[in-house]
Structure formats: structure tokens, C-alpha cells
Amino acid sequence: MSKIIAIWGGSNSGKTTFAVNLACALSKRDCLVGLISSNLTYGDLQIFFGQAVPKEKGLYEALSDDNPNIGEKFVNYEESKNLFFLSVPTHYAELLCDTVTIEEVEQMINAASLVFDILLVDGAAELNNPVSSVGLWLAERIFTLHRPSIAAQMWYEGVSDFVRELHIGEKQTHILLAPNGEFDDKTYRSMTQLSFAHELPYIKRAGELENAGTPICFYNDRPCRRYGKVLERIVDDICGGEKP
């Protein structure tokens, strides 16, 4: 079972939605799951989980050198005793993002990996994000999300040198989000020449559920159930087929 897993993709690729729902699905398998956001200026995980991150907790506190109990800086998701998330505080915390170093992030992720059975890092599309970059480097597996578009294809081509230099290509599992009718997935497959291990269905009400603080896998309409079934197959793969 992979210890550190990174979720990556271009802008608006659905990576945070996937990261949140994968974390929820893994937590159902009696795994202690930690989810780290790489967003240094805005706490988007708070919206997905419908919970605030207090000032005394959160990403910047976890990056502190004098913090031996890193698990205490994660916030427990109220709907699951096995799921904890780490994000910047809900309220503005000055420009602390300017002070984040690669060394601090590496120390923080390694320390957190000792606390949790599985540690997920929700990556950023930007290559200069230290949390995302270190997460990709340390991860045993990388799930790369693709929402078919010209922008997604350009992002994938733009990061190809980065992938090659960090030797992370062999760790990647590519996942396709079903298009919403704006772009043909066959065209995207032809453009990227990628093999997709999984395809997630298009969820029309994803934004509505996000604003309500309800993960997709906890909503019981047909599209969300289909999304959940794909998640279960991915979780089976991560956990070696172990069922709860």
C-alpha cells in the first residue's frame, strides 16, 4: 500500500474534488488518512468539508520547526474519525506563503507520513509551489487528473520537462474526467497519446455540493454513485484489494 500519494493536474482539472473524495473513500477502509492542501493563500479544503481551520492549527503551524506533534495541526473531518486535513487557516494569515521553503515542506510531509497510514497531497498546477513539488517528489504514486480541453493539453505538454527531470513519469496514473460536452474526449486522447487507467463521470452539481460542504461520494444520486464506484476501484488498487 502506497504511503504518500500526490494528486496533480492542470487548473480546473478536478484534482481537489478528487483528492477530497479519495480521502473520504480511503477513510472508510479503516485507514488513518491525512490530506494536505498545497494552496498557500486560500483554504479551499474548508469549503469541501464545510469546516473552518482555526489559527492555531493549519499549514503554517505544521511547517514550524518547533512543532513536534504535527498530527495536532490537522483538523479532524467531523463525518469521519479516520480523516484529517491540513490547510491554511480560514482567516487571513498575512503573506506567510513567501516564507515557505522546500526543506520545511519535506520535513513536514515526512513527519506527517509517520502519523497517518496514507498521506494525500493535493498538488497545484503551478510548478513553483513548494508543497506540491515536494509532494510529487516524495510520493510513491501520483494520480494526474485531466479535464479534456486545449488548456489541459497545453498544461500537460508544459510540464513534460519537469516530469522528465524529476523522474516521476513512472509514478503517474492518468485519470480522465468525462467531458461535459464542451470538448471531445477522443480528440484529447489523440492529442495527448495517453492511456487512462480510470474515467470519472461528469458531475453536473459538483459545484453545488462543494459549496454545501458535501463530498460527492456522500451524495446518493446516480452520477455520484457512478463516481463513487470508480473511487472504490481506485481504493481497491491502493489497498491491494482489501475490503473493509
C-alpha atoms as a PDB file:
ATOM      1  CA  MET A   1       0.000   0.000   0.000  1.00  0.00           C
ATOM      2  CA  SER A   2       1.382   3.395  -1.017  1.00  0.00           C
ATOM      3  CA  LYS A   3       2.182   5.655   1.926  1.00  0.00           C
ATOM      4  CA  ILE A   4       2.351   9.069   0.216  1.00  0.00           C
ATOM      5  CA  ILE A   5       0.081   9.787  -2.750  1.00  0.00           C
ATOM      6  CA  ALA A   6       0.021  13.021  -4.754  1.00  0.00           C
ATOM      7  CA  ILE A   7      -2.945  14.288  -6.765  1.00  0.00           C
ATOM      8  CA  TRP A   8      -1.954  16.535  -9.661  1.00  0.00           C
ATOM      9  CA  GLY A   9      -3.363  18.213 -12.733  1.00  0.00           C
ATOM     10  CA  GLY A  10      -3.847  21.484 -14.531  1.00  0.00           C
ATOM     11  CA  SER A  11      -6.155  24.313 -13.451  1.00  0.00           C
ATOM     12  CA  ASN A  12      -9.816  23.280 -13.124  1.00  0.00           C
ATOM     13  CA  SER A  13      -8.936  19.618 -13.672  1.00  0.00           C
ATOM     14  CA  GLY A  14     -10.995  18.441 -10.680  1.00  0.00           C
ATOM     15  CA  LYS A  15      -7.939  17.438  -8.659  1.00  0.00           C
ATOM     16  CA  THR A  16      -9.114  18.877  -5.319  1.00  0.00           C
ATOM     17  CA  THR A  17     -12.566  17.334  -5.760  1.00  0.00           C
ATOM     18  CA  PHE A  18     -10.877  14.004  -6.475  1.00  0.00           C
ATOM     19  CA  ALA A  19      -8.431  14.378  -3.569  1.00  0.00           C
ATOM     20  CA  VAL A  20     -11.230  15.090  -1.085  1.00  0.00           C
ATOM     21  CA  ASN A  21     -13.381  12.202  -2.269  1.00  0.00           C
ATOM     22  CA  LEU A  22     -10.448   9.783  -2.450  1.00  0.00           C
ATOM     23  CA  ALA A  23      -9.572  10.717   1.137  1.00  0.00           C
ATOM     24  CA  CYS A  24     -13.160  10.036   2.220  1.00  0.00           C
ATOM     25  CA  ALA A  25     -13.235   6.687   0.403  1.00  0.00           C
ATOM     26  CA  LEU A  26      -9.904   5.601   1.903  1.00  0.00           C
ATOM     27  CA  SER A  27     -11.023   6.557   5.403  1.00  0.00           C
ATOM     28  CA  LYS A  28     -13.866   4.030   5.096  1.00  0.00           C
ATOM     29  CA  ARG A  29     -11.272   1.247   4.861  1.00  0.00           C
ATOM     30  CA  ASP A  30     -10.125   1.776   8.447  1.00  0.00           C
ATOM     31  CA  CYS A  31      -7.106   3.709   7.201  1.00  0.00           C
ATOM     32  CA  LEU A  32      -5.969   6.783   9.104  1.00  0.00           C
ATOM     33  CA  VAL A  33      -5.856   9.318   6.268  1.00  0.00           C
ATOM     34  CA  GLY A  34      -4.204  12.728   6.149  1.00  0.00           C
ATOM     35  CA  LEU A  35      -4.948  15.197   3.342  1.00  0.00           C
ATOM     36  CA  ILE A  36      -2.628  18.166   2.770  1.00  0.00           C
ATOM     37  CA  SER A  37      -3.605  21.149   0.627  1.00  0.00           C
ATOM     38  CA  SER A  38      -0.874  22.873  -1.380  1.00  0.00           C
ATOM     39  CA  ASN A  39      -2.888  26.096  -1.640  1.00  0.00           C
ATOM     40  CA  LEU A  40      -0.805  28.635   0.316  1.00  0.00           C
ATOM     41  CA  THR A  41      -3.190  31.579   0.158  1.00  0.00           C
ATOM     42  CA  TYR A  42      -6.712  30.191   0.327  1.00  0.00           C
ATOM     43  CA  GLY A  43      -8.162  27.327   2.343  1.00  0.00           C
ATOM     44  CA  ASP A  44     -10.219  25.529  -0.286  1.00  0.00           C
ATOM     45  CA  LEU A  45     -10.471  22.298   1.723  1.00  0.00           C
ATOM     46  CA  GLN A  46     -12.574  24.191   4.277  1.00  0.00           C
ATOM     47  CA  ILE A  47     -15.304  24.608   1.658  1.00  0.00           C
ATOM     48  CA  PHE A  48     -15.275  20.970   0.586  1.00  0.00           C
ATOM     49  CA  PHE A  49     -15.515  19.743   4.185  1.00  0.00           C
ATOM     50  CA  GLY A  50     -17.706  22.572   5.474  1.00  0.00           C
ATOM     51  CA  GLN A  51     -15.370  23.211   8.417  1.00  0.00           C
ATOM     52  CA  ALA A  52     -13.162  26.096   9.470  1.00  0.00           C
ATOM     53  CA  VAL A  53      -9.442  25.805  10.246  1.00  0.00           C
ATOM     54  CA  PRO A  54      -8.567  27.767  13.416  1.00  0.00           C
ATOM     55  CA  LYS A  55      -5.495  29.995  13.536  1.00  0.00           C
ATOM     56  CA  GLU A  56      -3.671  27.734  15.997  1.00  0.00           C
ATOM     57  CA  LYS A  57      -3.885  24.860  13.515  1.00  0.00           C
ATOM     58  CA  GLY A  58      -3.207  24.630   9.822  1.00  0.00           C
ATOM     59  CA  LEU A  59      -0.408  24.500   7.295  1.00  0.00           C
ATOM     60  CA  TYR A  60       1.857  27.261   8.596  1.00  0.00           C
ATOM     61  CA  GLU A  61       1.815  25.875  12.125  1.00  0.00           C
ATOM     62  CA  ALA A  62       2.642  22.419  10.770  1.00  0.00           C
ATOM     63  CA  LEU A  63       5.636  23.873   8.893  1.00  0.00           C
ATOM     64  CA  SER A  64       7.048  25.323  12.106  1.00  0.00           C
ATOM     65  CA  ASP A  65      10.394  23.847  13.201  1.00  0.00           C
ATOM     66  CA  ASP A  66       9.325  23.809  16.862  1.00  0.00           C
ATOM     67  CA  ASN A  67       6.258  21.650  16.222  1.00  0.00           C
ATOM     68  CA  PRO A  68       6.958  18.054  17.330  1.00  0.00           C
ATOM     69  CA  ASN A  69       3.281  16.955  17.294  1.00  0.00           C
ATOM     70  CA  ILE A  70       2.365  17.593  13.686  1.00  0.00           C
ATOM     71  CA  GLY A  71      -0.782  15.479  13.834  1.00  0.00           C
ATOM     72  CA  GLU A  72      -2.336  18.028  16.179  1.00  0.00           C
ATOM     73  CA  LYS A  73      -2.158  20.662  13.436  1.00  0.00           C
ATOM     74  CA  PHE A  74      -4.505  18.676  11.194  1.00  0.00           C
ATOM     75  CA  VAL A  75      -8.266  19.227  11.538  1.00  0.00           C
ATOM     76  CA  ASN A  76     -10.439  16.143  12.044  1.00  0.00           C
ATOM     77  CA  TYR A  77     -13.236  15.825   9.488  1.00  0.00           C
ATOM     78  CA  GLU A  78     -16.433  15.674  11.525  1.00  0.00           C
ATOM     79  CA  GLU A  79     -18.003  12.940   9.368  1.00  0.00           C
ATOM     80  CA  SER A  80     -15.097  10.511   9.764  1.00  0.00           C
ATOM     81  CA  LYS A  81     -12.918   9.662  12.755  1.00  0.00           C
ATOM     82  CA  ASN A  82     -10.213   8.432  10.339  1.00  0.00           C
ATOM     83  CA  LEU A  83      -9.834  11.526   8.155  1.00  0.00           C
ATOM     84  CA  PHE A  84      -7.791  14.637   8.968  1.00  0.00           C
ATOM     85  CA  PHE A  85      -6.934  17.563   6.710  1.00  0.00           C
ATOM     86  CA  LEU A  86      -4.255  20.260   6.721  1.00  0.00           C
ATOM     87  CA  SER A  87      -4.913  23.591   5.056  1.00  0.00           C
ATOM     88  CA  VAL A  88      -4.109  27.249   5.617  1.00  0.00           C
ATOM     89  CA  PRO A  89      -6.234  28.879   8.356  1.00  0.00           C
ATOM     90  CA  THR A  90      -9.667  30.148   7.396  1.00  0.00           C
ATOM     91  CA  HIS A  91      -8.747  33.724   8.269  1.00  0.00           C
ATOM     92  CA  TYR A  92      -6.070  35.736   6.502  1.00  0.00           C
ATOM     93  CA  ALA A  93      -2.607  34.845   7.792  1.00  0.00           C
ATOM     94  CA  GLU A  94      -0.514  37.642   6.232  1.00  0.00           C
ATOM     95  CA  LEU A  95       1.924  36.729   3.461  1.00  0.00           C
ATOM     96  CA  LEU A  96       3.383  33.698   5.187  1.00  0.00           C
ATOM     97  CA  CYS A  97       3.414  31.849   1.864  1.00  0.00           C
ATOM     98  CA  ASP A  98       6.527  33.864   0.927  1.00  0.00           C
ATOM     99  CA  THR A  99       8.482  32.185   3.726  1.00  0.00           C
ATOM    100  CA  VAL A 100       7.750  28.534   2.893  1.00  0.00           C
ATOM    101  CA  THR A 101      10.911  26.601   1.988  1.00  0.00           C
ATOM    102  CA  ILE A 102      11.383  23.216   0.344  1.00  0.00           C
ATOM    103  CA  GLU A 103      13.285  21.992   3.413  1.00  0.00           C
ATOM    104  CA  GLU A 104      10.386  22.876   5.722  1.00  0.00           C
ATOM    105  CA  VAL A 105       7.874  21.158   3.446  1.00  0.00           C
ATOM    106  CA  GLU A 106       9.974  17.993   3.161  1.00  0.00           C
ATOM    107  CA  GLN A 107      10.339  17.795   6.934  1.00  0.00           C
ATOM    108  CA  MET A 108       6.609  18.374   7.410  1.00  0.00           C
ATOM    109  CA  ILE A 109       5.482  15.748   4.875  1.00  0.00           C
ATOM    110  CA  ASN A 110       7.927  13.146   6.190  1.00  0.00           C
ATOM    111  CA  ALA A 111       6.756  13.778   9.765  1.00  0.00           C
ATOM    112  CA  ALA A 112       3.089  13.554   8.736  1.00  0.00           C
ATOM    113  CA  SER A 113       3.720  10.289   6.883  1.00  0.00           C
ATOM    114  CA  LEU A 114       4.688   8.740  10.233  1.00  0.00           C
ATOM    115  CA  VAL A 115       1.350   9.757  11.746  1.00  0.00           C
ATOM    116  CA  PHE A 116      -1.030   8.562   9.013  1.00  0.00           C
ATOM    117  CA  ASP A 117      -1.484   5.244   7.232  1.00  0.00           C
ATOM    118  CA  ILE A 118      -1.951   7.126   3.959  1.00  0.00           C
ATOM    119  CA  LEU A 119      -0.974  10.728   3.277  1.00  0.00           C
ATOM    120  CA  LEU A 120      -2.519  12.547   0.296  1.00  0.00           C
ATOM    121  CA  VAL A 121      -1.047  15.762  -1.099  1.00  0.00           C
ATOM    122  CA  ASP A 122      -3.430  17.844  -3.203  1.00  0.00           C
ATOM    123  CA  GLY A 123      -0.997  19.357  -5.694  1.00  0.00           C
ATOM    124  CA  ALA A 124      -1.031  22.615  -7.624  1.00  0.00           C
ATOM    125  CA  ALA A 125      -0.921  23.216 -11.361  1.00  0.00           C
ATOM    126  CA  GLU A 126       1.952  25.684 -10.826  1.00  0.00           C
ATOM    127  CA  LEU A 127       5.400  24.100 -10.733  1.00  0.00           C
ATOM    128  CA  ASN A 128       6.834  26.656  -8.291  1.00  0.00           C
ATOM    129  CA  ASN A 129       4.518  25.621  -5.440  1.00  0.00           C
ATOM    130  CA  PRO A 130       6.807  24.076  -2.776  1.00  0.00           C
ATOM    131  CA  VAL A 131       4.172  21.856  -1.134  1.00  0.00           C
ATOM    132  CA  SER A 132       3.071  20.453  -4.473  1.00  0.00           C
ATOM    133  CA  SER A 133       6.600  19.952  -5.825  1.00  0.00           C
ATOM    134  CA  VAL A 134       7.887  18.193  -2.705  1.00  0.00           C
ATOM    135  CA  GLY A 135       4.714  16.095  -2.549  1.00  0.00           C
ATOM    136  CA  LEU A 136       5.276  14.943  -6.136  1.00  0.00           C
ATOM    137  CA  TRP A 137       8.916  14.134  -5.374  1.00  0.00           C
ATOM    138  CA  LEU A 138       8.170  12.143  -2.193  1.00  0.00           C
ATOM    139  CA  ALA A 139       5.034  10.400  -3.458  1.00  0.00           C
ATOM    140  CA  GLU A 140       5.068   6.715  -4.268  1.00  0.00           C
ATOM    141  CA  ARG A 141       2.073   7.248  -6.570  1.00  0.00           C
ATOM    142  CA  ILE A 142       0.754  10.241  -8.479  1.00  0.00           C
ATOM    143  CA  PHE A 143      -2.799  10.453  -9.772  1.00  0.00           C
ATOM    144  CA  THR A 144      -2.866  13.015 -12.583  1.00  0.00           C
ATOM    145  CA  LEU A 145      -6.300  14.410 -13.455  1.00  0.00           C
ATOM    146  CA  HIS A 146      -7.272  15.515 -16.965  1.00  0.00           C
ATOM    147  CA  ARG A 147     -10.373  17.506 -17.931  1.00  0.00           C
ATOM    148  CA  PRO A 148     -10.283  17.436 -21.754  1.00  0.00           C
ATOM    149  CA  SER A 149      -9.529  20.864 -23.222  1.00  0.00           C
ATOM    150  CA  ILE A 150      -6.867  22.696 -25.202  1.00  0.00           C
ATOM    151  CA  ALA A 151      -5.689  24.269 -21.927  1.00  0.00           C
ATOM    152  CA  ALA A 152      -5.273  20.814 -20.331  1.00  0.00           C
ATOM    153  CA  GLN A 153      -3.284  19.581 -23.307  1.00  0.00           C
ATOM    154  CA  MET A 154      -1.037  22.674 -23.168  1.00  0.00           C
ATOM    155  CA  TRP A 155      -0.501  22.177 -19.418  1.00  0.00           C
ATOM    156  CA  TYR A 156       0.450  18.542 -19.952  1.00  0.00           C
ATOM    157  CA  GLU A 157       2.963  19.484 -22.647  1.00  0.00           C
ATOM    158  CA  GLY A 158       4.263  22.363 -20.497  1.00  0.00           C
ATOM    159  CA  VAL A 159       5.109  20.120 -17.526  1.00  0.00           C
ATOM    160  CA  SER A 160       6.714  17.353 -19.602  1.00  0.00           C
ATOM    161  CA  ASP A 161      10.270  18.575 -18.952  1.00  0.00           C
ATOM    162  CA  PHE A 162       9.514  18.845 -15.216  1.00  0.00           C
ATOM    163  CA  VAL A 163       8.180  15.273 -15.191  1.00  0.00           C
ATOM    164  CA  ARG A 164      11.252  14.039 -17.020  1.00  0.00           C
ATOM    165  CA  GLU A 165      13.770  15.881 -14.822  1.00  0.00           C
ATOM    166  CA  LEU A 166      12.171  14.654 -11.584  1.00  0.00           C
ATOM    167  CA  HIS A 167      11.754  11.108 -12.961  1.00  0.00           C
ATOM    168  CA  ILE A 168       8.132  10.988 -11.824  1.00  0.00           C
ATOM    169  CA  GLY A 169       6.565   9.759 -15.056  1.00  0.00           C
ATOM    170  CA  GLU A 170       6.657   6.121 -13.969  1.00  0.00           C
ATOM    171  CA  LYS A 171       4.760   7.007 -10.782  1.00  0.00           C
ATOM    172  CA  GLN A 172       1.845   8.617 -12.633  1.00  0.00           C
ATOM    173  CA  THR A 173      -1.607   7.129 -13.103  1.00  0.00           C
ATOM    174  CA  HIS A 174      -3.655   9.237 -15.531  1.00  0.00           C
ATOM    175  CA  ILE A 175      -7.367   9.736 -14.845  1.00  0.00           C
ATOM    176  CA  LEU A 176      -9.796  11.273 -17.324  1.00  0.00           C
ATOM    177  CA  LEU A 177     -12.780  13.343 -16.274  1.00  0.00           C
ATOM    178  CA  ALA A 178     -15.660  12.744 -18.656  1.00  0.00           C
ATOM    179  CA  PRO A 179     -16.239  15.931 -20.686  1.00  0.00           C
ATOM    180  CA  ASN A 180     -19.375  17.994 -20.225  1.00  0.00           C
ATOM    181  CA  GLY A 181     -19.936  18.373 -23.958  1.00  0.00           C
ATOM    182  CA  GLU A 182     -17.546  21.276 -24.446  1.00  0.00           C
ATOM    183  CA  PHE A 183     -14.640  19.165 -25.728  1.00  0.00           C
ATOM    184  CA  ASP A 184     -14.411  15.724 -27.314  1.00  0.00           C
ATOM    185  CA  ASP A 185     -12.513  13.205 -25.178  1.00  0.00           C
ATOM    186  CA  LYS A 186     -11.461  11.235 -28.276  1.00  0.00           C
ATOM    187  CA  THR A 187      -9.712  14.336 -29.586  1.00  0.00           C
ATOM    188  CA  TYR A 188      -7.970  14.791 -26.242  1.00  0.00           C
ATOM    189  CA  ARG A 189      -6.822  11.171 -26.174  1.00  0.00           C
ATOM    190  CA  SER A 190      -5.420  11.581 -29.674  1.00  0.00           C
ATOM    191  CA  MET A 191      -3.666  14.845 -28.764  1.00  0.00           C
ATOM    192  CA  THR A 192      -2.006  13.526 -25.608  1.00  0.00           C
ATOM    193  CA  GLN A 193      -1.478   9.893 -26.654  1.00  0.00           C
ATOM    194  CA  LEU A 194      -2.131   8.919 -23.029  1.00  0.00           C
ATOM    195  CA  SER A 195      -3.562   5.723 -21.625  1.00  0.00           C
ATOM    196  CA  PHE A 196      -6.123   6.471 -18.916  1.00  0.00           C
ATOM    197  CA  ALA A 197      -6.455   3.933 -16.109  1.00  0.00           C
ATOM    198  CA  HIS A 198      -9.799   5.323 -14.927  1.00  0.00           C
ATOM    199  CA  GLU A 199     -12.539   7.630 -16.193  1.00  0.00           C
ATOM    200  CA  LEU A 200     -14.601   9.687 -13.753  1.00  0.00           C
ATOM    201  CA  PRO A 201     -18.145  10.695 -14.749  1.00  0.00           C
ATOM    202  CA  TYR A 202     -19.122  14.322 -15.206  1.00  0.00           C
ATOM    203  CA  ILE A 203     -20.960  15.598 -12.112  1.00  0.00           C
ATOM    204  CA  LYS A 204     -23.196  18.495 -13.079  1.00  0.00           C
ATOM    205  CA  ARG A 205     -23.906  19.515  -9.477  1.00  0.00           C
ATOM    206  CA  ALA A 206     -20.286  19.226  -8.241  1.00  0.00           C
ATOM    207  CA  GLY A 207     -20.053  22.955  -7.549  1.00  0.00           C
ATOM    208  CA  GLU A 208     -23.338  22.930  -5.656  1.00  0.00           C
ATOM    209  CA  LEU A 209     -22.189  20.039  -3.473  1.00  0.00           C
ATOM    210  CA  GLU A 210     -18.825  21.715  -2.873  1.00  0.00           C
ATOM    211  CA  ASN A 211     -20.494  24.908  -1.645  1.00  0.00           C
ATOM    212  CA  ALA A 212     -22.691  22.805   0.645  1.00  0.00           C
ATOM    213  CA  GLY A 213     -19.632  21.092   2.142  1.00  0.00           C
ATOM    214  CA  THR A 214     -20.809  17.667   0.895  1.00  0.00           C
ATOM    215  CA  PRO A 215     -18.261  15.360  -0.783  1.00  0.00           C
ATOM    216  CA  ILE A 216     -19.574  13.710  -3.958  1.00  0.00           C
ATOM    217  CA  CYS A 217     -19.172  10.193  -2.540  1.00  0.00           C
ATOM    218  CA  PHE A 218     -21.641  11.052   0.261  1.00  0.00           C
ATOM    219  CA  TYR A 219     -24.410  12.152  -2.129  1.00  0.00           C
ATOM    220  CA  ASN A 220     -26.704   9.426  -3.391  1.00  0.00           C
ATOM    221  CA  ASP A 221     -27.862  10.308  -6.902  1.00  0.00           C
ATOM    222  CA  ARG A 222     -26.926   8.214  -9.953  1.00  0.00           C
ATOM    223  CA  PRO A 223     -23.933  10.264 -11.237  1.00  0.00           C
ATOM    224  CA  CYS A 224     -22.445  10.500  -7.737  1.00  0.00           C
ATOM    225  CA  ARG A 225     -22.857   6.747  -7.232  1.00  0.00           C
ATOM    226  CA  ARG A 226     -21.017   6.170 -10.519  1.00  0.00           C
ATOM    227  CA  TYR A 227     -18.249   8.499  -9.322  1.00  0.00           C
ATOM    228  CA  GLY A 228     -18.128   6.548  -6.065  1.00  0.00           C
ATOM    229  CA  LYS A 229     -17.782   3.207  -7.870  1.00  0.00           C
ATOM    230  CA  VAL A 230     -14.739   4.473  -9.765  1.00  0.00           C
ATOM    231  CA  LEU A 231     -13.296   5.681  -6.463  1.00  0.00           C
ATOM    232  CA  GLU A 232     -13.820   2.238  -4.943  1.00  0.00           C
ATOM    233  CA  ARG A 233     -11.847   0.625  -7.760  1.00  0.00           C
ATOM    234  CA  ILE A 234      -9.017   3.104  -7.194  1.00  0.00           C
ATOM    235  CA  VAL A 235      -9.107   2.455  -3.440  1.00  0.00           C
ATOM    236  CA  ASP A 236      -9.005  -1.304  -4.102  1.00  0.00           C
ATOM    237  CA  ASP A 237      -5.894  -0.722  -6.183  1.00  0.00           C
ATOM    238  CA  ILE A 238      -4.254   1.404  -3.463  1.00  0.00           C
ATOM    239  CA  CYS A 239      -5.134  -1.005  -0.661  1.00  0.00           C
ATOM    240  CA  GLY A 240      -4.321  -4.136  -2.607  1.00  0.00           C
ATOM    241  CA  GLY A 241      -7.938  -5.184  -2.937  1.00  0.00           C
ATOM    242  CA  GLU A 242      -8.550  -5.202   0.820  1.00  0.00           C
ATOM    243  CA  LYS A 243     -12.221  -4.684   1.681  1.00  0.00           C
ATOM    244  CA  PRO A 244     -13.453  -3.253   4.991  1.00  0.00           C
END
